[in-house]
Amino acid sequence: MSLALFGIENDGVNLAVNLLVFFLVVVWLALVYWTYSDAQRRMEDPMLIGCATAASLFPFIGTIVYTIVRPPEYLEDIEERELEMKAAQVRLTVLEGQTCRGCGTAVEPSFLRCPSCMRKLREPCQSCGKPLEPGWRLCPYCETPQAQPKTERSPKADRSRSQRRAERAESRQGGRGSDSQAPSQPPAPDNAGQRTTRPLTREGRLSEQARRST
């Protein structure tokens, strides 16, 4: 006798229903396992993997939700892309070392200058004279420490500095000239030594006339 899940008395129908339920349970368990394995290939955080697996325990709905929100790439694909990018950068660096950055002419590692545009490519060692890459502090051939080259000032910066100095000198001379050309104020009149003239009276006029007549 087959187990009657829904109270079906017909043996044939009951067997078909039991097989269908068994098939759905197997599919559900397979989806749970698929969700767990797929989350391991796409996620690094164990907590996220556990949450995705727990969500898949809800029959079929949890797996559908995980399929929608899961990361689009596998971890292996991300690592492979990063390795390809690093390899491309290495190849680009090698190609840049074999060509001039100024004109693109093919050069050799022993060249100090580009034969086409005369661009400075490398610095010679101060002891053995072999070409060194810019920024090397030690010669790998003779182990001689290298002095760092002084940074060259651009002519525009020197010209701007000379212009600033000239403007400062002109401003100083202009300030001194304005002080020397300032009009001198006339001295205040000394009223102490001057006599104040008073109007003559009639008697004074008569005495003045008599003095003139004599």
C-alpha atoms as a PDB file:
ATOM      1  CA  MET A   1       0.000   0.000   0.000  1.00  0.00           C
ATOM      2  CA  SER A   2       1.236   3.480  -0.882  1.00  0.00           C
ATOM      3  CA  LEU A   3       1.114   6.351   1.543  1.00  0.00           C
ATOM      4  CA  ALA A   4      -1.929   8.544   0.984  1.00  0.00           C
ATOM      5  CA  LEU A   5      -0.730  12.111   1.440  1.00  0.00           C
ATOM      6  CA  PHE A   6      -3.882  13.942   0.465  1.00  0.00           C
ATOM      7  CA  GLY A   7      -6.399  11.251   1.450  1.00  0.00           C
ATOM      8  CA  ILE A   8      -6.553   9.803  -2.050  1.00  0.00           C
ATOM      9  CA  GLU A   9      -7.844   6.232  -1.993  1.00  0.00           C
ATOM     10  CA  ASN A  10      -6.974   5.377  -5.582  1.00  0.00           C
ATOM     11  CA  ASP A  11      -3.608   3.625  -5.600  1.00  0.00           C
ATOM     12  CA  GLY A  12      -2.573   4.797  -9.046  1.00  0.00           C
ATOM     13  CA  VAL A  13      -3.298   8.464  -8.405  1.00  0.00           C
ATOM     14  CA  ASN A  14      -1.796   8.266  -4.934  1.00  0.00           C
ATOM     15  CA  LEU A  15       1.422   6.800  -6.417  1.00  0.00           C
ATOM     16  CA  ALA A  16       1.668   9.573  -8.976  1.00  0.00           C
ATOM     17  CA  VAL A  17       1.198  12.248  -6.305  1.00  0.00           C
ATOM     18  CA  ASN A  18       3.839  10.654  -4.100  1.00  0.00           C
ATOM     19  CA  LEU A  19       6.297  10.537  -6.976  1.00  0.00           C
ATOM     20  CA  LEU A  20       5.605  14.180  -7.791  1.00  0.00           C
ATOM     21  CA  VAL A  21       6.145  15.241  -4.173  1.00  0.00           C
ATOM     22  CA  PHE A  22       9.344  13.192  -4.005  1.00  0.00           C
ATOM     23  CA  PHE A  23      10.559  14.820  -7.214  1.00  0.00           C
ATOM     24  CA  LEU A  24       9.854  18.317  -5.842  1.00  0.00           C
ATOM     25  CA  VAL A  25      11.716  17.526  -2.614  1.00  0.00           C
ATOM     26  CA  VAL A  26      14.736  16.258  -4.563  1.00  0.00           C
ATOM     27  CA  VAL A  27      14.719  19.389  -6.732  1.00  0.00           C
ATOM     28  CA  TRP A  28      14.458  21.580  -3.619  1.00  0.00           C
ATOM     29  CA  LEU A  29      17.447  19.906  -1.975  1.00  0.00           C
ATOM     30  CA  ALA A  30      19.407  20.143  -5.210  1.00  0.00           C
ATOM     31  CA  LEU A  31      18.670  23.882  -5.394  1.00  0.00           C
ATOM     32  CA  VAL A  32      19.866  24.337  -1.805  1.00  0.00           C
ATOM     33  CA  TYR A  33      23.132  22.592  -2.622  1.00  0.00           C
ATOM     34  CA  TRP A  34      23.495  24.563  -5.880  1.00  0.00           C
ATOM     35  CA  THR A  35      22.943  27.835  -4.031  1.00  0.00           C
ATOM     36  CA  TYR A  36      25.608  26.940  -1.471  1.00  0.00           C
ATOM     37  CA  SER A  37      28.195  25.919  -4.087  1.00  0.00           C
ATOM     38  CA  ASP A  38      27.442  28.900  -6.330  1.00  0.00           C
ATOM     39  CA  ALA A  39      27.733  31.318  -3.386  1.00  0.00           C
ATOM     40  CA  GLN A  40      31.141  29.862  -2.530  1.00  0.00           C
ATOM     41  CA  ARG A  41      32.344  30.542  -6.077  1.00  0.00           C
ATOM     42  CA  ARG A  42      31.028  34.121  -6.104  1.00  0.00           C
ATOM     43  CA  MET A  43      31.490  35.380  -2.517  1.00  0.00           C
ATOM     44  CA  GLU A  44      34.404  35.561  -0.101  1.00  0.00           C
ATOM     45  CA  ASP A  45      32.514  36.400   3.093  1.00  0.00           C
ATOM     46  CA  PRO A  46      31.355  33.221   4.928  1.00  0.00           C
ATOM     47  CA  MET A  47      28.444  35.107   6.482  1.00  0.00           C
ATOM     48  CA  LEU A  48      27.058  36.027   3.068  1.00  0.00           C
ATOM     49  CA  ILE A  49      27.424  32.408   1.944  1.00  0.00           C
ATOM     50  CA  GLY A  50      25.482  31.233   5.003  1.00  0.00           C
ATOM     51  CA  CYS A  51      22.740  33.827   4.438  1.00  0.00           C
ATOM     52  CA  ALA A  52      22.345  32.754   0.824  1.00  0.00           C
ATOM     53  CA  THR A  53      22.110  29.090   1.835  1.00  0.00           C
ATOM     54  CA  ALA A  54      19.576  29.862   4.564  1.00  0.00           C
ATOM     55  CA  ALA A  55      17.465  31.841   2.093  1.00  0.00           C
ATOM     56  CA  SER A  56      17.442  28.860  -0.280  1.00  0.00           C
ATOM     57  CA  LEU A  57      15.777  26.726   2.448  1.00  0.00           C
ATOM     58  CA  PHE A  58      12.546  28.485   1.544  1.00  0.00           C
ATOM     59  CA  PRO A  59      11.373  26.186  -1.241  1.00  0.00           C
ATOM     60  CA  PHE A  60      12.196  27.642  -4.655  1.00  0.00           C
ATOM     61  CA  ILE A  61      11.575  31.263  -3.620  1.00  0.00           C
ATOM     62  CA  GLY A  62      14.882  31.662  -1.771  1.00  0.00           C
ATOM     63  CA  THR A  63      16.839  30.313  -4.740  1.00  0.00           C
ATOM     64  CA  ILE A  64      15.045  32.670  -7.132  1.00  0.00           C
ATOM     65  CA  VAL A  65      15.840  35.675  -4.907  1.00  0.00           C
ATOM     66  CA  TYR A  66      19.500  34.599  -4.658  1.00  0.00           C
ATOM     67  CA  THR A  67      19.718  34.280  -8.444  1.00  0.00           C
ATOM     68  CA  ILE A  68      18.556  37.889  -8.766  1.00  0.00           C
ATOM     69  CA  VAL A  69      20.893  39.475  -6.163  1.00  0.00           C
ATOM     70  CA  ARG A  70      24.003  37.299  -6.528  1.00  0.00           C
ATOM     71  CA  PRO A  71      27.311  38.823  -7.761  1.00  0.00           C
ATOM     72  CA  PRO A  72      27.622  38.734 -11.547  1.00  0.00           C
ATOM     73  CA  GLU A  73      31.156  37.246 -11.692  1.00  0.00           C
ATOM     74  CA  TYR A  74      32.980  34.309 -10.203  1.00  0.00           C
ATOM     75  CA  LEU A  75      35.992  34.890  -7.995  1.00  0.00           C
ATOM     76  CA  GLU A  76      38.126  32.916 -10.435  1.00  0.00           C
ATOM     77  CA  ASP A  77      37.135  35.229 -13.282  1.00  0.00           C
ATOM     78  CA  ILE A  78      38.026  38.304 -11.201  1.00  0.00           C
ATOM     79  CA  GLU A  79      41.452  36.874 -10.316  1.00  0.00           C
ATOM     80  CA  GLU A  80      42.067  35.899 -13.939  1.00  0.00           C
ATOM     81  CA  ARG A  81      41.182  39.402 -15.135  1.00  0.00           C
ATOM     82  CA  GLU A  82      43.498  40.977 -12.565  1.00  0.00           C
ATOM     83  CA  LEU A  83      46.341  38.674 -13.672  1.00  0.00           C
ATOM     84  CA  GLU A  84      45.716  39.611 -17.302  1.00  0.00           C
ATOM     85  CA  MET A  85      45.806  43.309 -16.410  1.00  0.00           C
ATOM     86  CA  LYS A  86      49.099  42.886 -14.546  1.00  0.00           C
ATOM     87  CA  ALA A  87      50.568  40.957 -17.470  1.00  0.00           C
ATOM     88  CA  ALA A  88      49.420  43.688 -19.863  1.00  0.00           C
ATOM     89  CA  GLN A  89      51.065  46.324 -17.676  1.00  0.00           C
ATOM     90  CA  VAL A  90      54.310  44.332 -17.677  1.00  0.00           C
ATOM     91  CA  ARG A  91      54.201  44.020 -21.466  1.00  0.00           C
ATOM     92  CA  LEU A  92      53.490  47.723 -21.811  1.00  0.00           C
ATOM     93  CA  THR A  93      56.441  48.550 -19.556  1.00  0.00           C
ATOM     94  CA  VAL A  94      58.700  46.339 -21.664  1.00  0.00           C
ATOM     95  CA  LEU A  95      57.486  47.978 -24.868  1.00  0.00           C
ATOM     96  CA  GLU A  96      58.033  51.446 -23.392  1.00  0.00           C
ATOM     97  CA  GLY A  97      61.576  50.439 -22.478  1.00  0.00           C
ATOM     98  CA  GLN A  98      62.234  49.338 -26.063  1.00  0.00           C
ATOM     99  CA  THR A  99      60.831  52.486 -27.698  1.00  0.00           C
ATOM    100  CA  CYS A 100      61.519  56.178 -27.207  1.00  0.00           C
ATOM    101  CA  ARG A 101      58.796  58.013 -25.320  1.00  0.00           C
ATOM    102  CA  GLY A 102      59.340  61.132 -27.376  1.00  0.00           C
ATOM    103  CA  CYS A 103      59.179  59.884 -30.977  1.00  0.00           C
ATOM    104  CA  GLY A 104      58.460  56.140 -30.667  1.00  0.00           C
ATOM    105  CA  THR A 105      61.707  55.047 -32.332  1.00  0.00           C
ATOM    106  CA  ALA A 106      62.980  51.571 -31.413  1.00  0.00           C
ATOM    107  CA  VAL A 107      65.901  51.832 -28.971  1.00  0.00           C
ATOM    108  CA  GLU A 108      68.133  49.358 -27.202  1.00  0.00           C
ATOM    109  CA  PRO A 109      68.678  49.045 -23.450  1.00  0.00           C
ATOM    110  CA  SER A 110      72.260  50.304 -23.870  1.00  0.00           C
ATOM    111  CA  PHE A 111      71.245  53.612 -25.498  1.00  0.00           C
ATOM    112  CA  LEU A 112      71.743  56.775 -23.442  1.00  0.00           C
ATOM    113  CA  ARG A 113      69.943  59.042 -25.924  1.00  0.00           C
ATOM    114  CA  CYS A 114      67.447  58.487 -28.691  1.00  0.00           C
ATOM    115  CA  PRO A 115      69.238  58.554 -32.068  1.00  0.00           C
ATOM    116  CA  SER A 116      66.217  60.172 -33.721  1.00  0.00           C
ATOM    117  CA  CYS A 117      65.019  62.951 -31.404  1.00  0.00           C
ATOM    118  CA  MET A 118      68.096  63.041 -29.085  1.00  0.00           C
ATOM    119  CA  ARG A 119      65.901  62.601 -26.018  1.00  0.00           C
ATOM    120  CA  LYS A 120      67.701  61.680 -22.797  1.00  0.00           C
ATOM    121  CA  LEU A 121      66.818  58.066 -22.036  1.00  0.00           C
ATOM    122  CA  ARG A 122      69.226  56.934 -19.327  1.00  0.00           C
ATOM    123  CA  GLU A 123      72.047  58.277 -17.177  1.00  0.00           C
ATOM    124  CA  PRO A 124      75.551  56.760 -17.363  1.00  0.00           C
ATOM    125  CA  CYS A 125      77.131  55.310 -14.244  1.00  0.00           C
ATOM    126  CA  GLN A 126      79.676  57.645 -12.661  1.00  0.00           C
ATOM    127  CA  SER A 127      82.117  54.772 -12.235  1.00  0.00           C
ATOM    128  CA  CYS A 128      81.699  52.201 -15.035  1.00  0.00           C
ATOM    129  CA  GLY A 129      79.689  54.297 -17.500  1.00  0.00           C
ATOM    130  CA  LYS A 130      76.960  51.731 -18.078  1.00  0.00           C
ATOM    131  CA  PRO A 131      73.406  53.010 -18.671  1.00  0.00           C
ATOM    132  CA  LEU A 132      71.209  53.347 -15.617  1.00  0.00           C
ATOM    133  CA  GLU A 133      67.482  53.869 -15.423  1.00  0.00           C
ATOM    134  CA  PRO A 134      66.211  57.180 -14.012  1.00  0.00           C
ATOM    135  CA  GLY A 135      65.798  57.024 -10.240  1.00  0.00           C
ATOM    136  CA  TRP A 136      68.429  54.343  -9.586  1.00  0.00           C
ATOM    137  CA  ARG A 137      70.535  55.255  -6.562  1.00  0.00           C
ATOM    138  CA  LEU A 138      73.004  52.398  -6.970  1.00  0.00           C
ATOM    139  CA  CYS A 139      74.694  50.961 -10.017  1.00  0.00           C
ATOM    140  CA  PRO A 140      73.774  47.234 -10.246  1.00  0.00           C
ATOM    141  CA  TYR A 141      76.959  46.510 -12.212  1.00  0.00           C
ATOM    142  CA  CYS A 142      79.716  48.035 -10.043  1.00  0.00           C
ATOM    143  CA  GLU A 143      77.706  48.829  -6.847  1.00  0.00           C
ATOM    144  CA  THR A 144      78.663  52.491  -6.936  1.00  0.00           C
ATOM    145  CA  PRO A 145      76.223  54.915  -5.251  1.00  0.00           C
ATOM    146  CA  GLN A 146      74.878  57.455  -7.694  1.00  0.00           C
ATOM    147  CA  ALA A 147      74.360  61.117  -6.901  1.00  0.00           C
ATOM    148  CA  GLN A 148      70.864  62.316  -7.600  1.00  0.00           C
ATOM    149  CA  PRO A 149      70.802  64.876 -10.450  1.00  0.00           C
ATOM    150  CA  LYS A 150      69.738  68.361  -9.519  1.00  0.00           C
ATOM    151  CA  THR A 151      66.410  69.452 -10.804  1.00  0.00           C
ATOM    152  CA  GLU A 152      66.785  71.978 -13.583  1.00  0.00           C
ATOM    153  CA  ARG A 153      64.835  75.164 -13.216  1.00  0.00           C
ATOM    154  CA  SER A 154      62.724  76.190 -16.118  1.00  0.00           C
ATOM    155  CA  PRO A 155      63.566  79.517 -17.812  1.00  0.00           C
ATOM    156  CA  LYS A 156      60.025  80.709 -17.209  1.00  0.00           C
ATOM    157  CA  ALA A 157      60.457  80.351 -13.448  1.00  0.00           C
ATOM    158  CA  ASP A 158      63.806  82.219 -13.530  1.00  0.00           C
ATOM    159  CA  ARG A 159      62.270  84.951 -15.669  1.00  0.00           C
ATOM    160  CA  SER A 160      59.336  85.374 -13.308  1.00  0.00           C
ATOM    161  CA  ARG A 161      61.680  85.615 -10.331  1.00  0.00           C
ATOM    162  CA  SER A 162      63.838  88.247 -12.052  1.00  0.00           C
ATOM    163  CA  GLN A 163      60.712  90.215 -12.927  1.00  0.00           C
ATOM    164  CA  ARG A 164      59.579  90.107  -9.317  1.00  0.00           C
ATOM    165  CA  ARG A 165      62.950  91.364  -8.118  1.00  0.00           C
ATOM    166  CA  ALA A 166      62.905  94.203 -10.663  1.00  0.00           C
ATOM    167  CA  GLU A 167      59.384  95.210  -9.619  1.00  0.00           C
ATOM    168  CA  ARG A 168      60.420  95.247  -5.959  1.00  0.00           C
ATOM    169  CA  ALA A 169      63.474  97.396  -6.737  1.00  0.00           C
ATOM    170  CA  GLU A 170      61.347  99.849  -8.777  1.00  0.00           C
ATOM    171  CA  SER A 171      58.775 100.086  -6.011  1.00  0.00           C
ATOM    172  CA  ARG A 172      61.526 100.852  -3.470  1.00  0.00           C
ATOM    173  CA  GLN A 173      63.109 103.512  -5.715  1.00  0.00           C
ATOM    174  CA  GLY A 174      59.710 105.010  -6.411  1.00  0.00           C
ATOM    175  CA  GLY A 175      59.010 105.281  -2.694  1.00  0.00           C
ATOM    176  CA  ARG A 176      62.328 107.047  -2.055  1.00  0.00           C
ATOM    177  CA  GLY A 177      61.833 109.429  -5.000  1.00  0.00           C
ATOM    178  CA  SER A 178      58.389 110.459  -3.812  1.00  0.00           C
ATOM    179  CA  ASP A 179      59.846 111.301  -0.413  1.00  0.00           C
ATOM    180  CA  SER A 180      62.665 113.391  -1.963  1.00  0.00           C
ATOM    181  CA  GLN A 181      60.314 115.232  -4.375  1.00  0.00           C
ATOM    182  CA  ALA A 182      57.862 116.237  -1.698  1.00  0.00           C
ATOM    183  CA  PRO A 183      57.488 120.067  -1.666  1.00  0.00           C
ATOM    184  CA  SER A 184      59.183 121.721   1.236  1.00  0.00           C
ATOM    185  CA  GLN A 185      56.897 123.847   3.331  1.00  0.00           C
ATOM    186  CA  PRO A 186      57.945 127.467   3.745  1.00  0.00           C
ATOM    187  CA  PRO A 187      59.026 128.378   7.222  1.00  0.00           C
ATOM    188  CA  ALA A 188      56.449 130.000   9.358  1.00  0.00           C
ATOM    189  CA  PRO A 189      56.855 133.745   9.510  1.00  0.00           C
ATOM    190  CA  ASP A 190      58.500 134.997  12.604  1.00  0.00           C
ATOM    191  CA  ASN A 191      56.171 137.624  13.947  1.00  0.00           C
ATOM    192  CA  ALA A 192      58.197 138.148  17.042  1.00  0.00           C
ATOM    193  CA  GLY A 193      60.799 140.381  15.325  1.00  0.00           C
ATOM    194  CA  GLN A 194      58.279 142.449  13.309  1.00  0.00           C
ATOM    195  CA  ARG A 195      56.885 145.704  14.665  1.00  0.00           C
ATOM    196  CA  THR A 196      53.203 146.215  14.579  1.00  0.00           C
ATOM    197  CA  THR A 197      52.151 149.438  12.835  1.00  0.00           C
ATOM    198  CA  ARG A 198      49.535 151.501  14.583  1.00  0.00           C
ATOM    199  CA  PRO A 199      47.467 154.325  12.991  1.00  0.00           C
ATOM    200  CA  LEU A 200      48.869 157.820  13.757  1.00  0.00           C
ATOM    201  CA  THR A 201      46.705 160.246  15.689  1.00  0.00           C
ATOM    202  CA  ARG A 202      46.380 164.000  14.887  1.00  0.00           C
ATOM    203  CA  GLU A 203      49.029 165.029  17.362  1.00  0.00           C
ATOM    204  CA  GLY A 204      51.344 162.456  16.002  1.00  0.00           C
ATOM    205  CA  ARG A 205      50.809 163.741  12.448  1.00  0.00           C
ATOM    206  CA  LEU A 206      51.623 167.350  13.522  1.00  0.00           C
ATOM    207  CA  SER A 207      54.766 166.305  15.281  1.00  0.00           C
ATOM    208  CA  GLU A 208      55.781 164.298  12.210  1.00  0.00           C
ATOM    209  CA  GLN A 209      55.278 167.305   9.928  1.00  0.00           C
ATOM    210  CA  ALA A 210      57.253 169.578  12.260  1.00  0.00           C
ATOM    211  CA  ARG A 211      60.068 167.069  12.331  1.00  0.00           C
ATOM    212  CA  ARG A 212      60.173 166.938   8.528  1.00  0.00           C
ATOM    213  CA  SER A 213      60.127 170.758   8.199  1.00  0.00           C
ATOM    214  CA  THR A 214      63.098 171.168  10.520  1.00  0.00           C
END
